[in-house]
Amino acid sequence: MMEQRDRGQNAAAGNSPAQPRQASSRTREARQVVADLVEQFQREKDELRAEWAKRVLDDNLLTALSRDETENETRAIYDQYLDALKTGDLSGVQAYSQNLSERLIPRGVDIKEAMGLVLHLRDVLTRATRVSHVGSVELLEDHIGALVAAVNEITITVAVGFVQERERVIREQQEAIRELSTPVLQVRERLLILPIIGVIDSQRARQITEQLLRAIRVNRARVVVIDITGVAMMDSYVANHLVQTVDACRLLGAVVIVTGISPEIAQTLVNIGVDFGRLHTLGDLQEGIEEAERLLGYKVTSSGDMVFPEDETSETTGQ
């Protein structure tokens, strides 16, 4: 009676000794299915890779690459795929996908082509699996299930790699565009001009400040003319940031002249309570440059040349 009760309790608790054995058996079976797939794909790799490369070329994928380059890429991806299928480790696929995206995106290959590349591989391997398991429906289902699961993981890995690389390229392009849109120009020794055009958001305002301060230090500038004629509007945050930029330039020993302030921006500066004793403003860029030259002590000679006082002194001494 006690033995029967113990067996009943074990059964009720779901602790049947057969369950661990069944789970272990299923694990071994799954491993064997994957091993069978790897063995088949390795044995038929030349034919399968050739078929895959042909499908890629026929579908006009990777057109930025030559035929030899396409075949080399498919050969390398195929080997990475088999390794991932065999070991279950996607780190090799991730590394290769990252390297592949870094090489192909600059050549105009987009994520659609990358996905087409991987999905064609799935179709080729699926066809090969079906052919090799004709007449065994249950075994075919097991092999197709394992294959689809592995392909899905690899497809996601490749997609993520391309998306991340594309986002990195876009960020770099945006950064380059922002730098070109806010050039710091040296027009004379120790005189810089910063013409700003377009909308200024918080990110661009920070970038302008960083570029300007760096240029002041590199060029040992003493006067900076910031011309905002091309800026139609400016919110309170950016206006405050402009004043802070002027203060930061002053700390580096440079005088800042702001020119081209529109009525709308002037009103914004008034509304936020800017201390105009901190801003040296003039109407337009020409006036700003003339004032900057005056502050630097430049003089126009009778011949029309601009002479710095030190040069004038040296010429007099030489005479």
Protein backbone atom coordinates (compact mmCIF):
# COMPACT_ATOMS: atom_id res chain seq x y z
CA MET A 1 0.00 0.00 0.00
CA MET A 2 2.78 2.44 0.90
CA GLU A 3 4.62 1.64 -2.35
CA GLN A 4 1.46 2.24 -4.35
CA ARG A 5 0.88 5.52 -2.54
CA ASP A 6 4.46 6.69 -3.26
CA ARG A 7 4.03 5.87 -6.93
CA GLY A 8 0.75 7.77 -6.93
CA GLN A 9 2.38 10.80 -5.30
CA ASN A 10 5.24 10.76 -7.78
CA ALA A 11 2.81 10.58 -10.67
CA ALA A 12 0.71 13.41 -9.23
CA ALA A 13 3.81 15.56 -8.76
CA GLY A 14 4.88 14.97 -12.37
CA ASN A 15 8.14 13.32 -11.29
CA SER A 16 7.91 10.30 -13.52
CA PRO A 17 11.40 8.83 -14.11
CA ALA A 18 10.50 8.49 -17.78
CA GLN A 19 10.22 12.26 -18.34
CA PRO A 20 13.94 13.17 -17.98
CA ARG A 21 14.80 10.24 -20.25
CA GLN A 22 12.30 11.46 -22.84
CA ALA A 23 13.68 15.03 -22.69
CA SER A 24 17.22 13.76 -23.03
CA SER A 25 16.18 11.62 -25.96
CA ARG A 26 14.54 14.59 -27.71
CA THR A 27 17.70 16.66 -27.20
CA ARG A 28 19.84 13.94 -28.75
CA GLU A 29 17.43 13.64 -31.65
CA ALA A 30 17.51 17.40 -32.27
CA ARG A 31 21.30 17.39 -32.22
CA GLN A 32 21.36 14.50 -34.64
CA VAL A 33 19.01 16.36 -37.00
CA VAL A 34 21.34 19.38 -37.03
CA ALA A 35 24.38 17.13 -37.49
CA ASP A 36 22.66 15.45 -40.45
CA LEU A 37 21.94 18.85 -42.02
CA VAL A 38 25.52 20.03 -41.58
CA GLU A 39 26.87 16.80 -43.06
CA GLN A 40 24.57 17.06 -46.10
CA PHE A 41 25.31 20.75 -46.73
CA GLN A 42 29.03 20.15 -46.35
CA ARG A 43 28.92 17.18 -48.72
CA GLU A 44 26.96 19.13 -51.36
CA LYS A 45 28.52 22.53 -50.74
CA ASP A 46 29.99 23.05 -54.22
CA GLU A 47 26.65 22.42 -55.94
CA LEU A 48 24.63 24.36 -53.36
CA ARG A 49 26.96 27.38 -53.36
CA ALA A 50 26.94 27.46 -57.16
CA GLU A 51 23.13 27.33 -57.23
CA TRP A 52 22.92 30.07 -54.59
CA ALA A 53 25.34 32.36 -56.44
CA LYS A 54 23.37 31.82 -59.67
CA ARG A 55 20.09 32.80 -57.96
CA VAL A 56 21.71 35.93 -56.53
CA LEU A 57 23.04 36.97 -59.92
CA ASP A 58 19.79 36.13 -61.72
CA ASP A 59 17.85 38.25 -59.19
CA ASN A 60 20.23 41.20 -59.80
CA LEU A 61 21.37 41.33 -56.19
CA LEU A 62 24.76 42.77 -55.22
CA THR A 63 25.01 44.50 -58.59
CA ALA A 64 27.65 46.80 -57.13
CA LEU A 65 29.98 43.76 -56.95
CA SER A 66 31.66 41.92 -59.77
CA ARG A 67 30.74 38.30 -60.49
CA ASP A 68 33.93 37.07 -58.81
CA GLU A 69 33.25 39.23 -55.74
CA THR A 70 29.70 37.91 -55.49
CA GLU A 71 30.90 34.32 -55.67
CA ASN A 72 33.55 34.99 -53.02
CA GLU A 73 30.98 36.55 -50.69
CA THR A 74 28.52 33.69 -51.11
CA ARG A 75 31.32 31.19 -50.45
CA ALA A 76 32.33 32.96 -47.23
CA ILE A 77 28.74 33.41 -46.00
CA TYR A 78 27.96 29.75 -46.73
CA ASP A 79 30.91 28.62 -44.60
CA GLN A 80 29.88 30.98 -41.78
CA TYR A 81 26.35 29.63 -41.98
CA LEU A 82 27.46 26.00 -41.67
CA ASP A 83 29.67 26.86 -38.72
CA ALA A 84 26.77 28.61 -36.96
CA LEU A 85 24.42 25.73 -37.72
CA LYS A 86 26.93 23.21 -36.36
CA THR A 87 27.92 25.02 -33.16
CA GLY A 88 24.84 27.17 -32.47
CA ASP A 89 27.22 30.11 -31.97
CA LEU A 90 26.32 33.19 -34.02
CA SER A 91 29.36 35.27 -33.07
CA GLY A 92 31.14 34.40 -36.30
CA VAL A 93 28.08 35.34 -38.36
CA GLN A 94 27.74 38.59 -36.40
CA ALA A 95 31.39 39.53 -36.99
CA TYR A 96 31.22 38.68 -40.69
CA SER A 97 27.89 40.49 -41.09
CA GLN A 98 29.39 43.62 -39.54
CA ASN A 99 32.42 43.41 -41.81
CA LEU A 100 30.21 42.73 -44.83
CA SER A 101 27.96 45.71 -44.14
CA GLU A 102 30.97 48.02 -43.67
CA ARG A 103 32.26 46.97 -47.09
CA LEU A 104 29.00 46.84 -49.03
CA ILE A 105 26.97 49.81 -47.76
CA PRO A 106 29.49 52.40 -49.07
CA ARG A 107 29.15 50.69 -52.45
CA GLY A 108 25.40 51.18 -52.52
CA VAL A 109 24.21 47.77 -51.31
CA ASP A 110 21.10 48.17 -49.14
CA ILE A 111 19.42 45.95 -46.56
CA LYS A 112 16.90 44.67 -49.13
CA GLU A 113 19.71 43.12 -51.15
CA ALA A 114 21.30 41.69 -48.01
CA MET A 115 18.02 40.06 -47.00
CA GLY A 116 17.52 38.73 -50.52
CA LEU A 117 20.99 37.19 -50.31
CA VAL A 118 20.19 35.30 -47.10
CA LEU A 119 16.69 34.27 -48.16
CA HIS A 120 17.99 32.80 -51.41
CA LEU A 121 20.34 30.68 -49.31
CA ARG A 122 17.37 29.52 -47.25
CA ASP A 123 15.51 28.51 -50.40
CA VAL A 124 18.48 26.60 -51.80
CA LEU A 125 19.07 24.68 -48.57
CA THR A 126 15.36 23.98 -48.11
CA ARG A 127 15.12 22.54 -51.62
CA ALA A 128 18.18 20.35 -51.00
CA THR A 129 16.68 19.11 -47.72
CA ARG A 130 13.37 18.22 -49.37
CA VAL A 131 15.10 16.32 -52.17
CA SER A 132 17.17 14.26 -49.75
CA HIS A 133 14.17 13.26 -47.62
CA VAL A 134 11.64 12.20 -50.23
CA GLY A 135 9.41 9.46 -48.80
CA SER A 136 10.05 10.32 -45.13
CA VAL A 137 7.55 12.99 -44.13
CA GLU A 138 8.29 12.93 -40.38
CA LEU A 139 12.06 13.14 -40.85
CA LEU A 140 11.61 15.89 -43.43
CA GLU A 141 9.54 17.95 -41.01
CA ASP A 142 12.22 17.63 -38.31
CA HIS A 143 14.98 18.72 -40.68
CA ILE A 144 13.01 21.60 -42.19
CA GLY A 145 12.07 22.81 -38.69
CA ALA A 146 15.70 22.86 -37.56
CA LEU A 147 16.79 24.54 -40.80
CA VAL A 148 14.14 27.29 -40.66
CA ALA A 149 14.96 28.08 -37.02
CA ALA A 150 18.66 28.47 -37.83
CA VAL A 151 18.01 30.54 -40.97
CA ASN A 152 15.69 32.88 -39.06
CA GLU A 153 18.38 33.59 -36.46
CA ILE A 154 21.00 34.22 -39.12
CA THR A 155 18.64 36.45 -41.12
CA ILE A 156 17.95 38.57 -38.05
CA THR A 157 21.69 38.78 -37.31
CA VAL A 158 22.49 39.97 -40.84
CA ALA A 159 19.60 42.48 -40.79
CA VAL A 160 20.70 43.94 -37.47
CA GLY A 161 24.29 44.26 -38.70
CA PHE A 162 23.22 46.14 -41.83
CA VAL A 163 20.80 48.40 -39.95
CA GLN A 164 23.42 49.32 -37.34
CA GLU A 165 26.05 50.06 -39.99
CA ARG A 166 23.57 52.09 -42.03
CA GLU A 167 22.65 54.14 -38.98
CA ARG A 168 26.35 54.75 -38.27
CA VAL A 169 26.90 55.95 -41.85
CA ILE A 170 23.87 58.25 -41.62
CA ARG A 171 25.14 59.74 -38.35
CA GLU A 172 28.55 60.40 -39.90
CA GLN A 173 26.94 62.00 -42.95
CA GLN A 174 24.75 64.20 -40.76
CA GLU A 175 27.79 65.24 -38.76
CA ALA A 176 29.68 66.10 -41.95
CA ILE A 177 26.73 68.13 -43.25
CA ARG A 178 26.46 70.03 -39.98
CA GLU A 179 30.17 70.84 -40.06
CA LEU A 180 29.89 72.10 -43.63
CA SER A 181 26.85 74.18 -42.72
CA THR A 182 28.74 76.02 -39.97
CA PRO A 183 32.23 76.78 -41.33
CA VAL A 184 34.61 78.80 -39.16
CA LEU A 185 36.66 80.91 -41.58
CA GLN A 186 39.93 82.70 -40.91
CA VAL A 187 39.89 85.85 -43.05
CA ARG A 188 42.87 87.54 -41.44
CA GLU A 189 45.41 86.70 -38.83
CA ARG A 190 43.57 86.27 -35.49
CA LEU A 191 40.22 87.14 -37.10
CA LEU A 192 37.55 84.47 -37.56
CA ILE A 193 34.15 84.68 -39.22
CA LEU A 194 31.31 82.26 -38.50
CA PRO A 195 28.40 82.68 -40.95
CA ILE A 196 25.36 80.71 -39.77
CA ILE A 197 22.57 79.81 -42.19
CA GLY A 198 19.36 77.88 -41.61
CA VAL A 199 17.58 76.50 -38.59
CA ILE A 200 19.52 76.17 -35.35
CA ASP A 201 18.34 73.42 -33.03
CA SER A 202 19.89 72.48 -29.70
CA GLN A 203 22.23 69.90 -31.21
CA ARG A 204 23.51 72.25 -33.90
CA ALA A 205 23.91 75.04 -31.33
CA ARG A 206 26.20 72.81 -29.26
CA GLN A 207 28.18 71.84 -32.34
CA ILE A 208 28.63 75.48 -33.36
CA THR A 209 30.00 76.29 -29.92
CA GLU A 210 32.43 73.36 -29.98
CA GLN A 211 33.71 74.19 -33.47
CA LEU A 212 34.11 77.88 -32.69
CA LEU A 213 35.96 77.37 -29.41
CA ARG A 214 38.27 74.86 -31.06
CA ALA A 215 38.98 77.26 -33.94
CA ILE A 216 39.72 80.13 -31.53
CA ARG A 217 42.27 78.03 -29.73
CA VAL A 218 43.92 76.63 -32.87
CA ASN A 219 44.12 79.99 -34.66
CA ARG A 220 44.81 82.05 -31.51
CA ALA A 221 41.99 84.32 -32.59
CA ARG A 222 41.36 87.61 -30.83
CA VAL A 223 38.17 88.67 -32.63
CA VAL A 224 35.27 86.56 -33.93
CA VAL A 225 32.42 87.81 -36.10
CA ILE A 226 29.27 85.66 -35.87
CA ASP A 227 26.87 86.54 -38.67
CA ILE A 228 23.30 85.25 -38.26
CA THR A 229 21.74 87.05 -41.21
CA GLY A 230 20.70 83.66 -42.61
CA VAL A 231 18.89 82.62 -39.42
CA ALA A 232 15.21 83.57 -39.58
CA MET A 233 14.11 82.43 -36.12
CA MET A 234 15.72 81.43 -32.85
CA ASP A 235 14.00 80.00 -29.79
CA SER A 236 14.84 81.00 -26.24
CA TYR A 237 17.08 77.96 -25.64
CA VAL A 238 19.25 78.68 -28.68
CA ALA A 239 19.31 82.41 -27.89
CA ASN A 240 20.58 81.66 -24.40
CA HIS A 241 23.11 79.28 -25.88
CA LEU A 242 24.35 82.04 -28.20
CA VAL A 243 24.98 84.33 -25.22
CA GLN A 244 26.78 81.52 -23.40
CA THR A 245 28.93 80.93 -26.48
CA VAL A 246 29.93 84.61 -26.47
CA ASP A 247 30.91 84.29 -22.80
CA ALA A 248 32.93 81.13 -23.50
CA CYS A 249 34.79 82.88 -26.34
CA ARG A 250 35.57 85.78 -24.02
CA LEU A 251 37.10 83.34 -21.53
CA LEU A 252 39.45 82.20 -24.31
CA GLY A 253 40.50 85.80 -24.91
CA ALA A 254 38.43 86.51 -28.01
CA VAL A 255 36.00 89.39 -28.56
CA VAL A 256 32.77 88.35 -30.31
CA ILE A 257 30.82 90.62 -32.65
CA VAL A 258 27.32 89.41 -33.59
CA THR A 259 25.90 90.75 -36.85
CA GLY A 260 22.71 90.34 -38.86
CA ILE A 261 20.25 90.05 -35.97
CA SER A 262 16.70 90.03 -37.36
CA PRO A 263 13.80 91.83 -35.63
CA GLU A 264 12.35 88.48 -34.55
CA ILE A 265 15.60 87.32 -32.97
CA ALA A 266 16.07 90.73 -31.35
CA GLN A 267 12.65 90.37 -29.76
CA THR A 268 13.53 86.88 -28.50
CA LEU A 269 16.71 88.22 -26.90
CA VAL A 270 14.75 90.99 -25.20
CA ASN A 271 12.08 88.58 -23.95
CA ILE A 272 14.59 86.29 -22.28
CA GLY A 273 16.24 89.25 -20.57
CA VAL A 274 19.66 89.14 -22.20
CA ASP A 275 22.20 91.55 -20.75
CA PHE A 276 23.16 93.45 -23.91
CA GLY A 277 26.30 94.64 -22.21
CA ARG A 278 27.54 91.09 -22.86
CA LEU A 279 26.83 91.30 -26.62
CA HIS A 280 28.68 93.41 -29.15
CA THR A 281 26.20 93.72 -32.03
CA LEU A 282 26.32 95.44 -35.41
CA GLY A 283 23.94 95.64 -38.34
CA ASP A 284 25.61 93.55 -41.01
CA LEU A 285 28.69 91.47 -41.76
CA GLN A 286 30.57 94.31 -43.47
CA GLU A 287 30.27 96.50 -40.40
CA GLY A 288 31.34 93.57 -38.26
CA ILE A 289 34.50 92.95 -40.28
CA GLU A 290 35.40 96.65 -40.23
CA GLU A 291 34.95 96.77 -36.46
CA ALA A 292 37.00 93.60 -36.05
CA GLU A 293 39.83 95.08 -38.10
CA ARG A 294 39.69 98.23 -36.01
CA LEU A 295 39.90 96.19 -32.80
CA LEU A 296 42.89 94.30 -34.19
CA GLY A 297 44.58 97.56 -35.21
CA TYR A 298 44.64 96.96 -38.95
CA LYS A 299 45.11 100.05 -41.14
CA VAL A 300 44.58 100.67 -44.82
CA THR A 301 47.69 102.15 -46.50
CA SER A 302 47.67 104.64 -49.35
CA SER A 303 48.19 101.74 -51.77
CA GLY A 304 45.02 100.08 -50.49
CA ASP A 305 46.83 97.29 -48.63
CA MET A 306 45.79 96.24 -45.14
CA VAL A 307 48.68 96.55 -42.71
CA PHE A 308 48.91 95.32 -39.14
CA PRO A 309 50.57 97.84 -36.78
CA GLU A 310 53.46 95.47 -36.05
CA ASP A 311 54.22 95.28 -39.80
CA GLU A 312 54.03 99.06 -40.05
CA THR A 313 56.46 99.44 -37.14
CA SER A 314 58.92 96.99 -38.67
CA GLU A 315 58.82 98.80 -42.00
CA THR A 316 59.51 102.15 -40.29
CA THR A 317 62.38 100.63 -38.32
CA GLY A 318 63.85 99.17 -41.49
CA GLN A 319 63.83 102.55 -43.11
